[in-house]
Amino acid sequence: MRWKFIASIIGILLVFLGLSMVFPLLVSFHYHDLAHDNFIRSIGITMVAGLILILVSKKRDSEEYINQKEGMTAVALAWTAIGLFGALPFYFDPEFTNFTDAFFESVSGFTTTGSSVMTDIEGAAKSLLFWRSLIQWLGGMGIIVLSLAILPFLGVGGIQLYKAEVPSPVPDKLTPRLSDSAKILWVVYAGITLTQIIFLLGGGMPLFEATCHALTTLPTGGFSPKNASVAHYNSAFFDYVMVIFMVLAGINFSLHYQMLRGKTLAFWEDTECRFFLGLTLGLTLLVTWDIYGSVYTSVKDAFRFASFQVVSILTTTGFATADYEKFPGLSQVILFVCMFIGASAGSTGGGMKCARILACFKYCYRELFKIIHPRSISHIKINNTVISDEVLRSIMGFLALYIGLFVLSSIALACMGVDMMTAFGAVAACIGNIGPGFGTVGPTENFAHLPVLGKWLLAWCMLLGRLEIYTVIILFVPEFWKK
């Protein structure tokens, strides 16, 4: 393991992080919110730390190969470092009284989870709220992917970092050159974000709030500059705009690229996309039926609020327009299950991903079919492509680890004095990168009251979810460190 080599990668990423803090600094100057000193100090500390790591590392060839071990280690440590240094603007703000809360908010932002410990969001400085939104936007597509797009400093070995960061069972490159693929992803990402800002402005939302909401919708983050989230506006227009863009964020971004290149049936021809859209529509109709009459007196309102909550949870965005804990039991169960399913592979959403769920269903059906026809030979296909046994093993292992870590983390949180419903809801929300959970961390509450050790546990769960579990958990396997 070339530690100096890994340190140089982390150092370069910290320099990028420090430069990104310039944007909220400019927002602070514009609004005169007196938070500029906090960002100046944060920029200084982050840039110095990054430059020190670069300077103490050995000079290397830009085309040097990065092996899988180094790629996973670098990504896991880089995201941890980014969470730590990204917490500085929060830590220096009076709203945060300890580093634990600042780190929790930072990791929640970068991993696009959206769980918050802030009790008075609207009372915070606008520059801090902008930073809170910006880190979700940066974390949504991936900071390492952004670095590859801007400056392909990682050379041919960057594919290992790309695989470790991009949320997909089988991350594919859109072009032969990795840097070109990264640029395409970020151009599509930024273009859809800008489009959403225009729509929100057209509905009358102020520019600052429209920007913050767009920056946290496409990464399926869910941070809002309002205490009541999107419910603050009580606007059907805003609700449906957000629903549309949350759905777009939950679709594999390579399909958006194909659509832009003229392949108009890209969404329909993709098996996973059809499954995701069909599941979204089906669950929305089911929740609409369940809450009509019992919660809302009109079908129009029932569909509006059902569609928003289902899409928000299924895509792991976490915005809220209603207190879903007041919904009937069936709707609550559906939303809880949505926390585990997640969006499409290759999207910015969290959870298990629809591709894995679909492959799991097909695998189970094949096993049942073999019991009836033991001599049959059948293959599992998605998009007319046979899924290899190696990929299937990886998928099944991921699903088992996901459920296992969810159960163990929930038990650990419960051991800290947290009630069962809150423990299950908090862990499901954090490991799925969703935001609000159930119990005392529901859509109208926050995570501020949880014990300190519990917040560190949940921050770890957020990193597990964002980096697809393997990248983080592999570091705790003894064989990983053996030559």
Protein backbone atom coordinates (compact mmCIF):
# COMPACT_ATOMS: atom_id res chain seq x y z
CA MET A 1 0.00 0.00 0.00
CA ARG A 2 1.59 3.29 -1.13
CA TRP A 3 0.43 5.59 1.66
CA LYS A 4 2.19 8.67 0.34
CA PHE A 5 0.59 8.04 -3.01
CA ILE A 6 -2.84 7.85 -1.36
CA ALA A 7 -2.05 10.97 0.70
CA SER A 8 -1.35 12.91 -2.50
CA ILE A 9 -4.79 11.97 -3.87
CA ILE A 10 -6.49 13.08 -0.65
CA GLY A 11 -4.45 16.27 -0.70
CA ILE A 12 -5.58 17.19 -4.20
CA LEU A 13 -9.21 16.51 -3.27
CA LEU A 14 -8.87 18.75 -0.20
CA VAL A 15 -7.54 21.54 -2.41
CA PHE A 16 -10.66 21.15 -4.58
CA LEU A 17 -12.78 21.23 -1.44
CA GLY A 18 -11.09 24.41 -0.24
CA LEU A 19 -11.66 26.09 -3.60
CA SER A 20 -15.34 25.14 -3.51
CA MET A 21 -15.72 27.06 -0.24
CA VAL A 22 -15.12 30.26 -2.20
CA PHE A 23 -18.70 30.11 -3.50
CA PRO A 24 -20.42 30.33 -0.09
CA LEU A 25 -17.86 33.01 0.83
CA LEU A 26 -19.10 35.11 -2.09
CA VAL A 27 -22.69 34.46 -0.95
CA SER A 28 -21.71 35.72 2.51
CA PHE A 29 -20.29 38.94 1.06
CA HIS A 30 -23.41 39.42 -1.06
CA TYR A 31 -25.87 39.02 1.80
CA HIS A 32 -23.62 40.60 4.47
CA ASP A 33 -24.43 37.74 6.85
CA LEU A 34 -21.18 38.13 8.84
CA ALA A 35 -20.18 34.50 8.25
CA HIS A 36 -17.33 35.32 5.88
CA ASP A 37 -14.68 34.93 8.59
CA ASN A 38 -15.84 31.35 9.15
CA PHE A 39 -15.36 30.49 5.50
CA ILE A 40 -12.02 32.31 5.22
CA ARG A 41 -10.70 30.26 8.14
CA SER A 42 -12.16 27.06 6.70
CA ILE A 43 -10.62 27.73 3.29
CA GLY A 44 -7.24 28.43 4.85
CA ILE A 45 -7.19 25.28 7.02
CA THR A 46 -8.45 23.02 4.22
CA MET A 47 -6.09 24.37 1.56
CA VAL A 48 -3.05 24.22 3.87
CA ALA A 49 -3.87 20.64 4.87
CA GLY A 50 -4.28 19.65 1.23
CA LEU A 51 -1.05 21.31 0.13
CA ILE A 52 0.89 19.71 2.99
CA LEU A 53 -0.31 16.25 1.94
CA ILE A 54 0.68 16.96 -1.66
CA LEU A 55 4.12 18.32 -0.75
CA VAL A 56 5.07 15.48 1.60
CA SER A 57 4.04 12.87 -0.97
CA LYS A 58 6.40 11.47 -3.54
CA LYS A 59 6.30 12.91 -7.02
CA ARG A 60 4.56 10.47 -9.33
CA ASP A 61 3.80 9.92 -12.98
CA SER A 62 0.28 11.05 -13.92
CA GLU A 63 -0.24 7.73 -15.69
CA GLU A 64 0.76 5.59 -12.71
CA TYR A 65 -1.57 2.66 -12.14
CA ILE A 66 -3.77 2.52 -9.05
CA ASN A 67 -4.64 -0.99 -7.95
CA GLN A 68 -7.99 -2.00 -6.46
CA LYS A 69 -6.77 -1.95 -2.85
CA GLU A 70 -5.33 1.52 -3.19
CA GLY A 71 -8.45 2.72 -5.00
CA MET A 72 -10.81 1.55 -2.27
CA THR A 73 -8.57 2.83 0.52
CA ALA A 74 -8.10 6.21 -1.14
CA VAL A 75 -11.84 6.71 -1.73
CA ALA A 76 -12.85 5.66 1.80
CA LEU A 77 -10.21 7.86 3.44
CA ALA A 78 -10.83 10.75 1.03
CA TRP A 79 -14.56 10.82 1.81
CA THR A 80 -13.80 10.72 5.53
CA ALA A 81 -11.35 13.60 5.16
CA ILE A 82 -13.83 15.57 3.06
CA GLY A 83 -16.47 15.07 5.77
CA LEU A 84 -14.06 16.28 8.45
CA PHE A 85 -12.84 19.40 6.64
CA GLY A 86 -16.27 20.12 5.15
CA ALA A 87 -17.51 20.34 8.75
CA LEU A 88 -15.35 23.39 9.50
CA PRO A 89 -17.85 26.04 8.25
CA PHE A 90 -20.51 24.41 10.44
CA TYR A 91 -18.19 24.12 13.45
CA PHE A 92 -17.25 27.81 13.31
CA ASP A 93 -20.92 28.83 13.16
CA PRO A 94 -22.74 29.65 16.45
CA GLU A 95 -25.57 27.27 15.47
CA PHE A 96 -23.25 24.32 16.18
CA THR A 97 -21.93 23.85 19.71
CA ASN A 98 -19.69 20.81 19.13
CA PHE A 99 -17.72 19.14 16.36
CA THR A 100 -19.87 15.99 16.43
CA ASP A 101 -22.91 17.90 15.17
CA ALA A 102 -20.81 19.75 12.58
CA PHE A 103 -19.34 16.47 11.29
CA PHE A 104 -22.78 14.83 11.22
CA GLU A 105 -24.21 17.70 9.15
CA SER A 106 -21.21 17.67 6.81
CA VAL A 107 -21.27 13.91 6.18
CA SER A 108 -25.05 14.04 5.80
CA GLY A 109 -24.55 16.69 3.12
CA PHE A 110 -21.73 15.10 1.15
CA THR A 111 -23.37 11.66 1.19
CA THR A 112 -26.65 13.31 0.10
CA THR A 113 -28.45 11.84 3.10
CA GLY A 114 -30.21 15.00 4.26
CA SER A 115 -30.53 14.07 7.94
CA SER A 116 -30.00 17.23 9.97
CA VAL A 117 -29.21 18.35 13.50
CA MET A 118 -30.09 22.00 12.81
CA THR A 119 -33.08 23.17 14.86
CA ASP A 120 -33.53 26.63 13.30
CA ILE A 121 -32.60 26.36 9.65
CA GLU A 122 -34.17 29.67 8.60
CA GLY A 123 -32.25 31.50 11.32
CA ALA A 124 -28.87 30.36 9.97
CA ALA A 125 -26.64 32.50 7.74
CA LYS A 126 -27.52 32.27 4.05
CA SER A 127 -23.93 31.42 3.18
CA LEU A 128 -24.06 28.42 5.54
CA LEU A 129 -27.34 27.29 3.99
CA PHE A 130 -25.76 27.63 0.55
CA TRP A 131 -22.74 25.57 1.67
CA ARG A 132 -25.16 23.01 3.08
CA SER A 133 -26.80 22.75 -0.37
CA LEU A 134 -23.57 22.91 -2.37
CA ILE A 135 -21.95 19.97 -0.57
CA GLN A 136 -24.95 17.83 -1.47
CA TRP A 137 -24.62 18.84 -5.11
CA LEU A 138 -20.89 18.04 -5.07
CA GLY A 139 -21.42 14.73 -3.30
CA GLY A 140 -24.30 13.66 -5.53
CA MET A 141 -22.31 12.91 -8.66
CA GLY A 142 -19.11 12.42 -6.68
CA ILE A 143 -16.17 14.66 -5.83
CA ILE A 144 -13.68 12.24 -7.35
CA VAL A 145 -15.74 12.10 -10.57
CA LEU A 146 -15.70 15.92 -10.59
CA SER A 147 -11.94 15.91 -10.12
CA LEU A 148 -11.54 13.50 -13.03
CA ALA A 149 -13.69 15.80 -15.18
CA ILE A 150 -11.79 18.99 -14.34
CA LEU A 151 -8.28 17.60 -14.15
CA PRO A 152 -7.57 13.95 -15.04
CA PHE A 153 -4.69 13.89 -12.54
CA LEU A 154 -5.30 10.27 -11.64
CA GLY A 155 -4.40 8.94 -15.09
CA VAL A 156 -5.29 5.42 -16.20
CA GLY A 157 -5.52 4.24 -12.60
CA GLY A 158 -8.47 6.53 -11.97
CA ILE A 159 -10.86 3.77 -13.03
CA GLN A 160 -10.36 2.10 -9.62
CA LEU A 161 -11.40 5.31 -7.86
CA TYR A 162 -14.30 5.71 -10.28
CA LYS A 163 -15.55 2.19 -9.52
CA ALA A 164 -15.23 2.76 -5.78
CA GLU A 165 -17.20 6.01 -5.82
CA VAL A 166 -19.86 5.73 -8.55
CA PRO A 167 -23.06 4.26 -7.06
CA SER A 168 -23.72 1.32 -9.38
CA PRO A 169 -23.39 -2.48 -9.23
CA VAL A 170 -21.47 -2.38 -12.53
CA PRO A 171 -20.19 1.17 -13.22
CA ASP A 172 -19.76 1.72 -16.94
CA LYS A 173 -17.82 4.35 -18.80
CA LEU A 174 -19.79 6.31 -21.40
CA THR A 175 -16.68 6.85 -23.50
CA PRO A 176 -13.31 5.07 -23.77
CA ARG A 177 -11.63 7.98 -21.92
CA LEU A 178 -12.59 8.09 -18.25
CA SER A 179 -12.16 11.87 -18.04
CA ASP A 180 -14.59 12.33 -20.96
CA SER A 181 -17.16 10.12 -19.21
CA ALA A 182 -16.81 12.21 -16.05
CA LYS A 183 -17.28 15.43 -18.03
CA ILE A 184 -20.42 14.09 -19.72
CA LEU A 185 -21.95 13.06 -16.40
CA TRP A 186 -21.27 16.46 -14.85
CA VAL A 187 -22.52 18.42 -17.87
CA VAL A 188 -25.81 16.47 -17.83
CA TYR A 189 -26.01 16.87 -14.05
CA ALA A 190 -25.42 20.63 -14.18
CA GLY A 191 -27.79 21.09 -17.12
CA ILE A 192 -30.73 19.42 -15.38
CA THR A 193 -29.97 21.42 -12.21
CA LEU A 194 -30.09 24.69 -14.13
CA THR A 195 -33.36 23.64 -15.78
CA GLN A 196 -34.94 23.02 -12.39
CA ILE A 197 -33.83 26.44 -11.13
CA ILE A 198 -35.58 28.04 -14.12
CA PHE A 199 -38.80 26.12 -13.42
CA LEU A 200 -38.80 27.06 -9.73
CA LEU A 201 -38.14 30.70 -10.58
CA GLY A 202 -41.04 30.55 -13.04
CA GLY A 203 -43.31 29.49 -10.20
CA GLY A 204 -42.29 32.48 -8.10
CA MET A 205 -39.70 30.94 -5.78
CA PRO A 206 -36.92 33.43 -4.83
CA LEU A 207 -33.58 32.89 -6.60
CA PHE A 208 -31.65 31.87 -3.48
CA GLU A 209 -34.26 29.32 -2.41
CA ALA A 210 -34.71 28.01 -5.96
CA THR A 211 -30.95 27.50 -6.26
CA CYS A 212 -30.68 25.74 -2.90
CA HIS A 213 -33.57 23.41 -3.69
CA ALA A 214 -32.23 22.58 -7.16
CA LEU A 215 -28.76 21.91 -5.74
CA THR A 216 -30.28 19.37 -3.35
CA THR A 217 -32.85 17.76 -5.67
CA LEU A 218 -30.58 16.41 -8.42
CA PRO A 219 -28.19 14.79 -5.93
CA THR A 220 -31.28 13.38 -4.15
CA GLY A 221 -30.09 15.13 -1.01
CA GLY A 222 -33.10 16.80 0.55
CA PHE A 223 -31.59 19.70 2.49
CA SER A 224 -33.95 22.69 2.33
CA PRO A 225 -33.39 26.30 3.46
CA LYS A 226 -36.80 26.15 5.14
CA ASN A 227 -37.64 24.59 8.50
CA ALA A 228 -40.75 22.92 7.05
CA SER A 229 -38.91 21.76 3.90
CA VAL A 230 -40.99 21.99 0.70
CA ALA A 231 -44.18 22.02 2.80
CA HIS A 232 -43.34 25.65 3.59
CA TYR A 233 -44.64 26.75 0.18
CA ASN A 234 -47.87 24.72 0.16
CA SER A 235 -47.79 24.88 -3.63
CA ALA A 236 -48.97 22.13 -5.96
CA PHE A 237 -46.82 23.60 -8.74
CA PHE A 238 -43.63 23.37 -6.69
CA ASP A 239 -44.56 19.89 -5.48
CA TYR A 240 -44.98 18.51 -9.00
CA VAL A 241 -41.85 20.26 -10.29
CA MET A 242 -39.88 18.67 -7.47
CA VAL A 243 -41.48 15.27 -8.16
CA ILE A 244 -40.49 15.41 -11.83
CA PHE A 245 -36.89 16.34 -11.09
CA MET A 246 -36.60 13.81 -8.26
CA VAL A 247 -37.69 11.12 -10.72
CA LEU A 248 -35.12 12.36 -13.24
CA ALA A 249 -32.47 12.23 -10.51
CA GLY A 250 -33.47 8.64 -9.73
CA ILE A 251 -32.86 7.47 -13.31
CA ASN A 252 -29.45 6.27 -14.52
CA PHE A 253 -27.66 9.37 -15.81
CA SER A 254 -26.27 7.47 -18.78
CA LEU A 255 -29.89 7.24 -20.03
CA HIS A 256 -30.20 11.03 -19.87
CA TYR A 257 -27.09 11.23 -22.02
CA GLN A 258 -28.61 8.78 -24.51
CA MET A 259 -31.82 10.84 -24.61
CA LEU A 260 -29.84 14.00 -25.34
CA ARG A 261 -28.11 12.18 -28.19
CA GLY A 262 -31.49 11.47 -29.79
CA LYS A 263 -32.36 8.02 -28.44
CA THR A 264 -35.93 8.96 -27.52
CA LEU A 265 -36.89 5.50 -26.20
CA ALA A 266 -33.85 5.19 -23.92
CA PHE A 267 -35.94 5.17 -20.75
CA TRP A 268 -38.45 2.62 -22.04
CA GLU A 269 -35.84 0.27 -23.51
CA ASP A 270 -33.94 0.03 -20.23
CA THR A 271 -35.26 -2.80 -18.02
CA GLU A 272 -34.26 -1.19 -14.74
CA CYS A 273 -35.76 2.17 -15.72
CA ARG A 274 -39.08 0.52 -16.60
CA PHE A 275 -39.02 -1.28 -13.26
CA PHE A 276 -38.23 1.95 -11.36
CA LEU A 277 -40.91 4.02 -13.12
CA GLY A 278 -43.51 1.25 -12.86
CA LEU A 279 -42.74 0.76 -9.16
CA THR A 280 -42.99 4.50 -8.54
CA LEU A 281 -46.36 4.75 -10.26
CA GLY A 282 -47.75 1.59 -8.65
CA LEU A 283 -46.75 2.56 -5.10
CA THR A 284 -48.02 6.12 -5.63
CA LEU A 285 -51.45 4.83 -6.65
CA LEU A 286 -51.51 2.41 -3.72
CA VAL A 287 -50.65 5.14 -1.18
CA THR A 288 -53.15 7.49 -2.85
CA TRP A 289 -55.87 4.87 -2.37
CA ASP A 290 -54.81 4.34 1.24
CA ILE A 291 -54.79 7.99 2.34
CA TYR A 292 -57.85 9.10 0.34
CA GLY A 293 -60.70 9.58 2.75
CA SER A 294 -58.64 8.82 5.86
CA VAL A 295 -56.21 11.74 5.54
CA TYR A 296 -57.29 13.79 2.50
CA THR A 297 -60.84 14.41 1.38
CA SER A 298 -60.08 14.85 -2.33
CA VAL A 299 -58.39 12.47 -4.77
CA LYS A 300 -56.36 15.37 -6.16
CA ASP A 301 -54.78 16.16 -2.79
CA ALA A 302 -54.29 12.48 -1.98
CA PHE A 303 -52.42 11.90 -5.26
CA ARG A 304 -50.36 15.08 -4.86
CA PHE A 305 -49.09 14.24 -1.39
CA ALA A 306 -48.79 10.50 -2.04
CA SER A 307 -46.71 11.04 -5.18
CA PHE A 308 -44.39 13.47 -3.41
CA GLN A 309 -43.72 11.24 -0.38
CA VAL A 310 -43.30 8.06 -2.45
CA VAL A 311 -40.95 9.68 -4.97
CA SER A 312 -39.03 11.53 -2.26
CA ILE A 313 -38.38 8.35 -0.25
CA LEU A 314 -37.92 5.95 -3.18
CA THR A 315 -35.34 8.23 -4.81
CA THR A 316 -33.83 8.78 -1.32
CA THR A 317 -34.18 12.56 -1.65
CA GLY A 318 -35.95 13.11 1.65
CA PHE A 319 -37.93 16.29 1.02
CA ALA A 320 -41.26 16.41 2.85
CA THR A 321 -44.62 18.04 2.22
CA ALA A 322 -46.56 16.00 4.78
CA ASP A 323 -46.04 14.16 8.06
CA TYR A 324 -46.19 10.62 6.70
CA GLU A 325 -46.17 9.24 10.25
CA LYS A 326 -49.84 10.31 10.37
CA PHE A 327 -50.63 8.18 7.30
CA PRO A 328 -52.40 4.81 7.76
CA GLY A 329 -50.27 1.77 8.57
CA LEU A 330 -50.16 0.46 4.97
CA SER A 331 -48.72 3.72 3.65
CA GLN A 332 -46.11 3.84 6.40
CA VAL A 333 -45.02 0.28 5.63
CA ILE A 334 -44.75 1.11 1.92
CA LEU A 335 -42.62 4.17 2.64
CA PHE A 336 -40.41 2.16 5.01
CA VAL A 337 -39.85 -0.48 2.31
CA CYS A 338 -39.07 2.31 -0.19
CA MET A 339 -36.19 3.34 2.08
CA PHE A 340 -34.48 0.05 1.27
CA ILE A 341 -35.28 -0.20 -2.45
CA GLY A 342 -33.81 3.11 -3.57
CA ALA A 343 -33.45 4.49 -7.07
CA SER A 344 -31.69 3.25 -10.21
CA ALA A 345 -28.06 2.22 -10.48
CA GLY A 346 -26.02 5.02 -12.00
CA SER A 347 -28.32 7.65 -10.50
CA THR A 348 -27.54 9.87 -7.53
CA GLY A 349 -30.00 7.95 -5.34
CA GLY A 350 -29.12 5.65 -2.47
CA GLY A 351 -30.64 2.47 -1.12
CA MET A 352 -30.09 -1.01 -2.51
CA LYS A 353 -30.83 0.15 -6.09
CA CYS A 354 -33.53 -1.19 -8.40
CA ALA A 355 -31.01 -3.10 -10.51
CA ARG A 356 -30.01 -5.24 -7.53
CA ILE A 357 -33.62 -5.76 -6.44
CA LEU A 358 -34.57 -6.78 -9.99
CA ALA A 359 -31.60 -9.17 -10.24
CA CYS A 360 -32.52 -10.65 -6.84
CA PHE A 361 -36.12 -11.28 -7.97
CA LYS A 362 -34.91 -12.94 -11.15
CA TYR A 363 -32.41 -15.04 -9.20
CA CYS A 364 -35.08 -16.25 -6.77
CA TYR A 365 -37.41 -17.11 -9.65
CA ARG A 366 -34.63 -19.05 -11.37
CA GLU A 367 -34.01 -21.10 -8.22
CA LEU A 368 -37.71 -21.91 -7.95
CA PHE A 369 -37.79 -22.82 -11.65
CA LYS A 370 -34.82 -25.16 -11.16
CA ILE A 371 -36.64 -27.00 -8.39
CA ILE A 372 -39.41 -27.78 -10.88
CA HIS A 373 -37.02 -28.37 -13.81
CA PRO A 374 -33.72 -29.50 -12.26
CA ARG A 375 -32.04 -30.21 -15.62
CA SER A 376 -32.85 -26.84 -17.13
CA ILE A 377 -30.17 -24.30 -17.97
CA SER A 378 -31.30 -20.71 -17.61
CA HIS A 379 -29.60 -17.35 -17.44
CA ILE A 380 -30.54 -14.12 -15.70
CA LYS A 381 -30.76 -11.24 -18.14
CA ILE A 382 -31.21 -7.49 -17.73
CA ASN A 383 -31.44 -5.41 -20.91
CA ASN A 384 -30.92 -8.63 -22.91
CA THR A 385 -27.50 -9.00 -21.30
CA VAL A 386 -26.63 -12.10 -19.30
CA ILE A 387 -25.65 -11.29 -15.72
CA SER A 388 -22.53 -13.27 -14.87
CA ASP A 389 -22.32 -15.43 -11.76
CA GLU A 390 -19.56 -13.15 -10.46
CA VAL A 391 -21.86 -10.11 -10.60
CA LEU A 392 -24.73 -12.11 -9.08
CA ARG A 393 -22.52 -13.14 -6.16
CA SER A 394 -21.54 -9.53 -5.67
CA ILE A 395 -25.19 -8.44 -5.69
CA MET A 396 -26.30 -11.12 -3.23
CA GLY A 397 -23.36 -10.35 -0.97
CA PHE A 398 -24.23 -6.66 -1.06
CA LEU A 399 -27.87 -7.27 -0.17
CA ALA A 400 -26.88 -9.58 2.70
CA LEU A 401 -24.36 -7.06 4.04
CA TYR A 402 -26.87 -4.23 3.69
CA ILE A 403 -29.53 -6.01 5.75
CA GLY A 404 -26.97 -7.31 8.24
CA LEU A 405 -25.41 -3.91 8.84
CA PHE A 406 -28.87 -2.35 9.13
CA VAL A 407 -29.85 -4.83 11.86
CA LEU A 408 -26.54 -4.56 13.76
CA SER A 409 -26.51 -0.76 13.60
CA SER A 410 -30.14 -0.60 14.76
CA ILE A 411 -29.32 -2.83 17.72
CA ALA A 412 -26.27 -0.70 18.55
CA LEU A 413 -28.35 2.48 18.44
CA ALA A 414 -31.04 0.90 20.59
CA CYS A 415 -28.36 -0.02 23.15
CA MET A 416 -27.70 3.71 23.51
CA GLY A 417 -31.19 4.26 24.86
CA VAL A 418 -32.96 5.06 21.60
CA ASP A 419 -36.44 3.54 21.18
CA MET A 420 -36.90 0.73 18.66
CA MET A 421 -38.94 2.68 16.08
CA THR A 422 -36.46 5.57 16.10
CA ALA A 423 -33.47 3.20 15.93
CA PHE A 424 -34.85 1.34 12.90
CA GLY A 425 -35.98 4.57 11.23
CA ALA A 426 -32.73 6.45 11.83
CA VAL A 427 -30.47 3.66 10.56
CA ALA A 428 -32.68 2.96 7.53
CA ALA A 429 -32.65 6.68 6.70
CA CYS A 430 -28.88 7.02 7.06
CA ILE A 431 -27.66 3.81 5.44
CA GLY A 432 -30.08 4.47 2.58
CA ASN A 433 -28.99 8.15 2.36
CA ILE A 434 -32.61 9.28 2.67
CA GLY A 435 -32.83 11.90 5.45
CA PRO A 436 -35.99 11.69 7.56
CA GLY A 437 -36.88 8.40 9.20
CA PHE A 438 -39.53 7.25 11.63
CA GLY A 439 -40.10 7.78 15.34
CA THR A 440 -38.40 10.83 16.83
CA VAL A 441 -36.41 11.40 13.60
CA GLY A 442 -39.49 11.63 11.37
CA PRO A 443 -40.23 14.27 8.72
CA THR A 444 -41.17 16.92 11.32
CA GLU A 445 -38.25 16.21 13.71
CA ASN A 446 -34.45 16.11 13.41
CA PHE A 447 -31.46 14.16 14.70
CA ALA A 448 -30.19 16.73 17.22
CA HIS A 449 -31.46 14.86 20.29
CA LEU A 450 -29.64 11.60 19.56
CA PRO A 451 -26.62 10.64 21.73
CA VAL A 452 -23.16 11.69 20.57
CA LEU A 453 -22.00 8.13 19.94
CA GLY A 454 -25.21 7.50 18.02
CA LYS A 455 -24.47 10.41 15.67
CA TRP A 456 -21.01 9.00 14.90
CA LEU A 457 -22.58 5.59 14.24
CA LEU A 458 -25.13 7.11 11.88
CA ALA A 459 -22.43 9.16 10.11
CA TRP A 460 -20.61 5.88 9.49
CA CYS A 461 -23.85 4.41 8.14
CA MET A 462 -24.15 7.35 5.73
CA LEU A 463 -20.66 6.66 4.35
CA LEU A 464 -21.50 2.96 4.06
CA GLY A 465 -24.58 3.78 2.01
CA ARG A 466 -22.97 6.41 -0.22
CA LEU A 467 -19.92 4.27 -1.07
CA GLU A 468 -21.99 1.12 -1.62
CA ILE A 469 -20.82 -0.68 1.56
CA TYR A 470 -17.97 -2.69 -0.02
CA THR A 471 -15.61 0.30 -0.30
CA VAL A 472 -15.88 1.02 3.43
CA ILE A 473 -16.44 -2.40 5.01
CA ILE A 474 -13.57 -4.01 3.09
CA LEU A 475 -11.12 -1.95 5.17
CA PHE A 476 -12.16 -3.96 8.24
CA VAL A 477 -11.40 -7.33 6.66
CA PRO A 478 -7.96 -8.57 7.87
CA GLU A 479 -7.16 -10.25 4.55
CA PHE A 480 -7.42 -6.88 2.83
CA TRP A 481 -4.20 -5.74 4.51
CA LYS A 482 -2.22 -8.91 3.79
CA LYS A 483 0.20 -8.93 0.88
